C-alpha atoms as a PDB file:
ATOM      1  CA  MET A   1       6.454   2.841   1.506  1.00  0.00           C
ATOM      2  CA  VAL A   2       4.720  -0.276   2.738  1.00  0.00           C
ATOM      3  CA  GLY A   3       6.189  -3.628   1.764  1.00  0.00           C
ATOM      4  CA  PHE A   4       9.085  -2.050  -0.176  1.00  0.00           C
ATOM      5  CA  THR A   5      11.911  -4.581  -0.565  1.00  0.00           C
ATOM      6  CA  ASN A   6      14.088  -2.773  -3.115  1.00  0.00           C
ATOM      7  CA  SER A   7      13.221  -5.466  -5.673  1.00  0.00           C
ATOM      8  CA  TYR A   8      13.143  -4.785  -9.401  1.00  0.00           C
ATOM      9  CA  ASN A   9       9.322  -4.593  -9.384  1.00  0.00           C
ATOM     10  CA  ASP A  10       9.250  -2.297  -6.353  1.00  0.00           C
ATOM     11  CA  LYS A  11      11.689   0.097  -8.012  1.00  0.00           C
ATOM     12  CA  ARG A  12       9.584   0.172 -11.209  1.00  0.00           C
ATOM     13  CA  TRP A  13       6.402   0.766  -9.212  1.00  0.00           C
ATOM     14  CA  LEU A  14       8.073   3.618  -7.367  1.00  0.00           C
ATOM     15  CA  GLU A  15       9.055   5.114 -10.740  1.00  0.00           C
ATOM     16  CA  MET A  16       5.437   4.758 -11.912  1.00  0.00           C
ATOM     17  CA  ALA A  17       4.173   6.592  -8.810  1.00  0.00           C
ATOM     18  CA  ALA A  18       6.749   9.354  -9.356  1.00  0.00           C
ATOM     19  CA  ALA A  19       5.690   9.722 -13.003  1.00  0.00           C
ATOM     20  CA  TRP A  20       2.013   9.928 -12.015  1.00  0.00           C
ATOM     21  CA  VAL A  21       2.748  12.603  -9.391  1.00  0.00           C
ATOM     22  CA  ALA A  22       4.901  14.571 -11.888  1.00  0.00           C
ATOM     23  CA  GLU A  23       2.004  14.566 -14.361  1.00  0.00           C
ATOM     24  CA  HIS A  24      -0.880  15.218 -11.955  1.00  0.00           C
ATOM     25  CA  ASP A  25       0.714  17.252  -9.154  1.00  0.00           C
ATOM     26  CA  PRO A  26       4.089  18.610 -10.303  1.00  0.00           C
ATOM     27  CA  ALA A  27       4.346  20.940  -7.269  1.00  0.00           C
ATOM     28  CA  LEU A  28       4.535  17.953  -4.906  1.00  0.00           C
ATOM     29  CA  PRO A  29       8.190  17.569  -3.821  1.00  0.00           C
ATOM     30  CA  TRP A  30       8.476  13.863  -4.679  1.00  0.00           C
ATOM     31  CA  ALA A  31      12.244  13.661  -5.219  1.00  0.00           C
ATOM     32  CA  SER A  32      13.142  15.423  -1.974  1.00  0.00           C
ATOM     33  CA  ALA A  33      10.497  13.797   0.218  1.00  0.00           C
ATOM     34  CA  THR A  34      11.544  11.840   3.306  1.00  0.00           C
ATOM     35  CA  ARG A  35      10.885   8.141   2.820  1.00  0.00           C
ATOM     36  CA  LYS A  36       9.893   5.733   5.548  1.00  0.00           C
ATOM     37  CA  VAL A  37       9.826   2.010   4.781  1.00  0.00           C
ATOM     38  CA  PHE A  38       7.488  -0.427   6.527  1.00  0.00           C
ATOM     39  CA  ASP A  39       8.271  -4.085   5.999  1.00  0.00           C
ATOM     40  CA  LEU A  40       6.603  -6.647   8.222  1.00  0.00           C
ATOM     41  CA  ARG A  41       9.268  -9.247   7.536  1.00  0.00           C
ATOM     42  CA  GLY A  42      12.391  -9.966   9.530  1.00  0.00           C
ATOM     43  CA  ALA A  43      13.435  -9.640  13.144  1.00  0.00           C
ATOM     44  CA  ASN A  44      13.049  -5.860  13.005  1.00  0.00           C
ATOM     45  CA  GLY A  45       9.873  -5.890  10.923  1.00  0.00           C
ATOM     46  CA  VAL A  46       7.457  -2.995  11.327  1.00  0.00           C
ATOM     47  CA  ASN A  47       3.689  -3.375  10.933  1.00  0.00           C
ATOM     48  CA  PHE A  48       2.227  -0.376   9.075  1.00  0.00           C
ATOM     49  CA  LEU A  49      -1.209  -1.194  10.480  1.00  0.00           C
ATOM     50  CA  ASP A  50       0.116  -0.452  13.990  1.00  0.00           C
ATOM     51  CA  ASP A  51       1.697   2.866  12.984  1.00  0.00           C
ATOM     52  CA  ALA A  52      -0.082   6.136  13.788  1.00  0.00           C
ATOM     53  CA  GLY A  53       1.874   8.525  11.558  1.00  0.00           C
ATOM     54  CA  GLU A  54       0.545  10.869   8.898  1.00  0.00           C
ATOM     55  CA  TYR A  55       2.279  11.010   5.519  1.00  0.00           C
ATOM     56  CA  GLY A  56       2.272  13.039   2.312  1.00  0.00           C
ATOM     57  CA  VAL A  57       2.015   9.968   0.053  1.00  0.00           C
ATOM     58  CA  VAL A  58       1.586   6.281   0.888  1.00  0.00           C
ATOM     59  CA  VAL A  59       2.667   3.535  -1.510  1.00  0.00           C
ATOM     60  CA  LEU A  60       1.699  -0.120  -0.955  1.00  0.00           C
ATOM     61  CA  PHE A  61       3.859  -2.648  -2.779  1.00  0.00           C
ATOM     62  CA  ALA A  62       1.873  -5.835  -3.515  1.00  0.00           C
ATOM     63  CA  ILE A  63       0.736  -6.586   0.028  1.00  0.00           C
ATOM     64  CA  TYR A  64      -0.074 -10.300   0.201  1.00  0.00           C
ATOM     65  CA  ASN A  65      -3.810 -10.911   0.531  1.00  0.00           C
ATOM     66  CA  PRO A  66      -5.100 -14.483   0.164  1.00  0.00           C
ATOM     67  CA  PRO A  67      -8.825 -15.180   0.608  1.00  0.00           C
ATOM     68  CA  LYS A  68      -9.679 -14.802   4.305  1.00  0.00           C
ATOM     69  CA  HIS A  69     -11.185 -18.262   4.803  1.00  0.00           C
ATOM     70  CA  ASN A  70      -8.344 -19.985   2.979  1.00  0.00           C
ATOM     71  CA  ALA A  71      -5.629 -22.156   4.555  1.00  0.00           C
ATOM     72  CA  GLU A  72      -2.986 -19.828   3.072  1.00  0.00           C
ATOM     73  CA  PHE A  73      -4.476 -16.922   5.013  1.00  0.00           C
ATOM     74  CA  GLN A  74      -4.274 -18.845   8.288  1.00  0.00           C
ATOM     75  CA  ARG A  75      -0.679 -19.953   7.573  1.00  0.00           C
ATOM     76  CA  GLY A  76       0.374 -16.398   6.722  1.00  0.00           C
ATOM     77  CA  LEU A  77      -1.019 -14.695   9.840  1.00  0.00           C
ATOM     78  CA  GLY A  78       1.845 -13.603  12.047  1.00  0.00           C
ATOM     79  CA  ARG A  79       4.482 -14.919   9.622  1.00  0.00           C
ATOM     80  CA  ARG A  80       7.534 -12.635   9.485  1.00  0.00           C
ATOM     81  CA  ARG A  81       9.463 -14.287   6.642  1.00  0.00           C
ATOM     82  CA  GLY A  82       8.819 -14.574   2.944  1.00  0.00           C
ATOM     83  CA  GLN A  83       6.344 -13.174   0.449  1.00  0.00           C
ATOM     84  CA  THR A  84       3.362 -14.705   2.256  1.00  0.00           C
ATOM     85  CA  SER A  85       3.770 -12.786   5.517  1.00  0.00           C
ATOM     86  CA  LEU A  86       0.604 -11.327   7.005  1.00  0.00           C
ATOM     87  CA  ALA A  87       0.126  -9.018   9.965  1.00  0.00           C
ATOM     88  CA  THR A  88      -1.991 -10.567  12.700  1.00  0.00           C
ATOM     89  CA  ASN A  89      -4.379  -7.601  12.320  1.00  0.00           C
ATOM     90  CA  HIS A  90      -4.674  -7.904   8.505  1.00  0.00           C
ATOM     91  CA  SER A  91      -8.261  -7.136   7.452  1.00  0.00           C
ATOM     92  CA  ARG A  92     -10.047  -4.890   4.994  1.00  0.00           C
ATOM     93  CA  GLU A  93     -11.399  -2.801   7.857  1.00  0.00           C
ATOM     94  CA  ASN A  94      -7.956  -2.293   9.416  1.00  0.00           C
ATOM     95  CA  TRP A  95      -6.332  -1.429   6.083  1.00  0.00           C
ATOM     96  CA  THR A  96      -8.967   1.115   5.043  1.00  0.00           C
ATOM     97  CA  ALA A  97      -9.014   2.721   8.492  1.00  0.00           C
ATOM     98  CA  ARG A  98      -5.217   2.938   8.643  1.00  0.00           C
ATOM     99  CA  LEU A  99      -4.927   4.343   5.124  1.00  0.00           C
ATOM    100  CA  SER A 100      -7.568   6.962   5.933  1.00  0.00           C
ATOM    101  CA  ARG A 101      -5.725   8.005   9.095  1.00  0.00           C
ATOM    102  CA  THR A 102      -2.506   8.642   7.158  1.00  0.00           C
ATOM    103  CA  ARG A 103      -4.132  11.778   5.697  1.00  0.00           C
ATOM    104  CA  ALA A 104      -1.809  11.259   2.706  1.00  0.00           C
ATOM    105  CA  LYS A 105      -2.569  13.354  -0.348  1.00  0.00           C
ATOM    106  CA  TYR A 106      -2.281  10.220  -2.514  1.00  0.00           C
ATOM    107  CA  LEU A 107      -2.454   6.475  -1.900  1.00  0.00           C
ATOM    108  CA  PHE A 108      -0.852   4.190  -4.498  1.00  0.00           C
ATOM    109  CA  ILE A 109      -1.838   0.522  -4.212  1.00  0.00           C
ATOM    110  CA  PHE A 110       0.389  -1.574  -6.512  1.00  0.00           C
ATOM    111  CA  ARG A 111      -0.735  -5.139  -6.929  1.00  0.00           C
ATOM    112  CA  ARG A 112      -0.106  -8.650  -8.105  1.00  0.00           C
ATOM    113  CA  PRO A 113      -2.923 -11.175  -8.550  1.00  0.00           C
ATOM    114  CA  ASP A 114      -2.672 -12.258  -4.879  1.00  0.00           C
ATOM    115  CA  SER A 115      -2.398  -8.868  -3.215  1.00  0.00           C
ATOM    116  CA  VAL A 116      -4.385  -5.992  -1.753  1.00  0.00           C
ATOM    117  CA  ASP A 117      -6.018  -3.894  -4.484  1.00  0.00           C
ATOM    118  CA  GLY A 118      -8.588  -1.153  -4.901  1.00  0.00           C
ATOM    119  CA  GLU A 119     -11.402  -3.617  -5.519  1.00  0.00           C
ATOM    120  CA  TRP A 120     -10.722  -5.376  -2.198  1.00  0.00           C
ATOM    121  CA  LEU A 121     -10.241  -2.109  -0.315  1.00  0.00           C
ATOM    122  CA  GLY A 122     -13.288  -0.443  -1.836  1.00  0.00           C
ATOM    123  CA  GLU A 123     -14.042   3.009  -0.503  1.00  0.00           C
ATOM    124  CA  ILE A 124     -11.619   4.656   1.882  1.00  0.00           C
ATOM    125  CA  GLU A 125     -12.993   7.414   4.104  1.00  0.00           C
ATOM    126  CA  HIS A 126     -11.873  10.897   2.971  1.00  0.00           C
ATOM    127  CA  TYR A 127     -10.576   9.554  -0.374  1.00  0.00           C
ATOM    128  CA  GLU A 128     -11.711   9.578  -3.976  1.00  0.00           C
ATOM    129  CA  LYS A 129     -10.637   6.587  -6.048  1.00  0.00           C
ATOM    130  CA  GLN A 130      -9.061   7.409  -9.401  1.00  0.00           C
ATOM    131  CA  PRO A 131      -9.482   5.163 -12.480  1.00  0.00           C
ATOM    132  CA  ASP A 132      -7.488   1.934 -12.048  1.00  0.00           C
ATOM    133  CA  SER A 133      -4.500   1.053 -14.171  1.00  0.00           C
ATOM    134  CA  THR A 134      -5.330  -2.454 -15.308  1.00  0.00           C
ATOM    135  CA  GLY A 135      -3.119  -5.449 -15.878  1.00  0.00           C
ATOM    136  CA  VAL A 136      -1.396  -8.049 -13.780  1.00  0.00           C
ATOM    137  CA  PHE A 137       0.814  -5.404 -12.174  1.00  0.00           C
ATOM    138  CA  GLY A 138      -1.737  -2.609 -12.052  1.00  0.00           C
ATOM    139  CA  VAL A 139      -2.276   0.189  -9.589  1.00  0.00           C
ATOM    140  CA  SER A 140      -5.184   1.719  -7.731  1.00  0.00           C
ATOM    141  CA  ILE A 141      -4.790   5.385  -6.829  1.00  0.00           C
ATOM    142  CA  TYR A 142      -6.770   7.288  -4.232  1.00  0.00           C
ATOM    143  CA  ARG A 143      -6.734  11.086  -3.850  1.00  0.00           C
ATOM    144  CA  LEU A 144      -7.519  12.825  -0.559  1.00  0.00           C
ATOM    145  CA  LYS A 145     -10.767  14.783  -0.791  1.00  0.00           C
ATOM    146  CA  CYS A 146     -10.765  18.375   0.375  1.00  0.00           C
ATOM    147  CA  VAL A 147     -12.173  18.003   3.888  1.00  0.00           C
END
């Protein structure tokens, strides 16, 4: 769980991911799965982009993503507090490469208007993008291809 803060929205998004898995892959042990939280913010923040682990499912919770050549992007780089925190290695290339290396069966990318989404990510190696759920708080879902 990347960017999970236990907020109301994060809890609802997690419920949405669970419902999707229950409908599309009921054999996946969602309820009993071990959960690891990556949150860049705070003194003990952990940068998912620097992690090398493999996971069954990866869920991104509205990862802040201002336009790259914008002042907000520059201010956010390296910030460890608040909703506008950005990893110093935040880039489309680093996100798609890291997500591919997780080897997760499913990737859920929950979004707000100013966050990472399936359109920005585009294709992810080894993954097939599912139809997007539209709306302000939509989701992009990727399924691992049989490789």
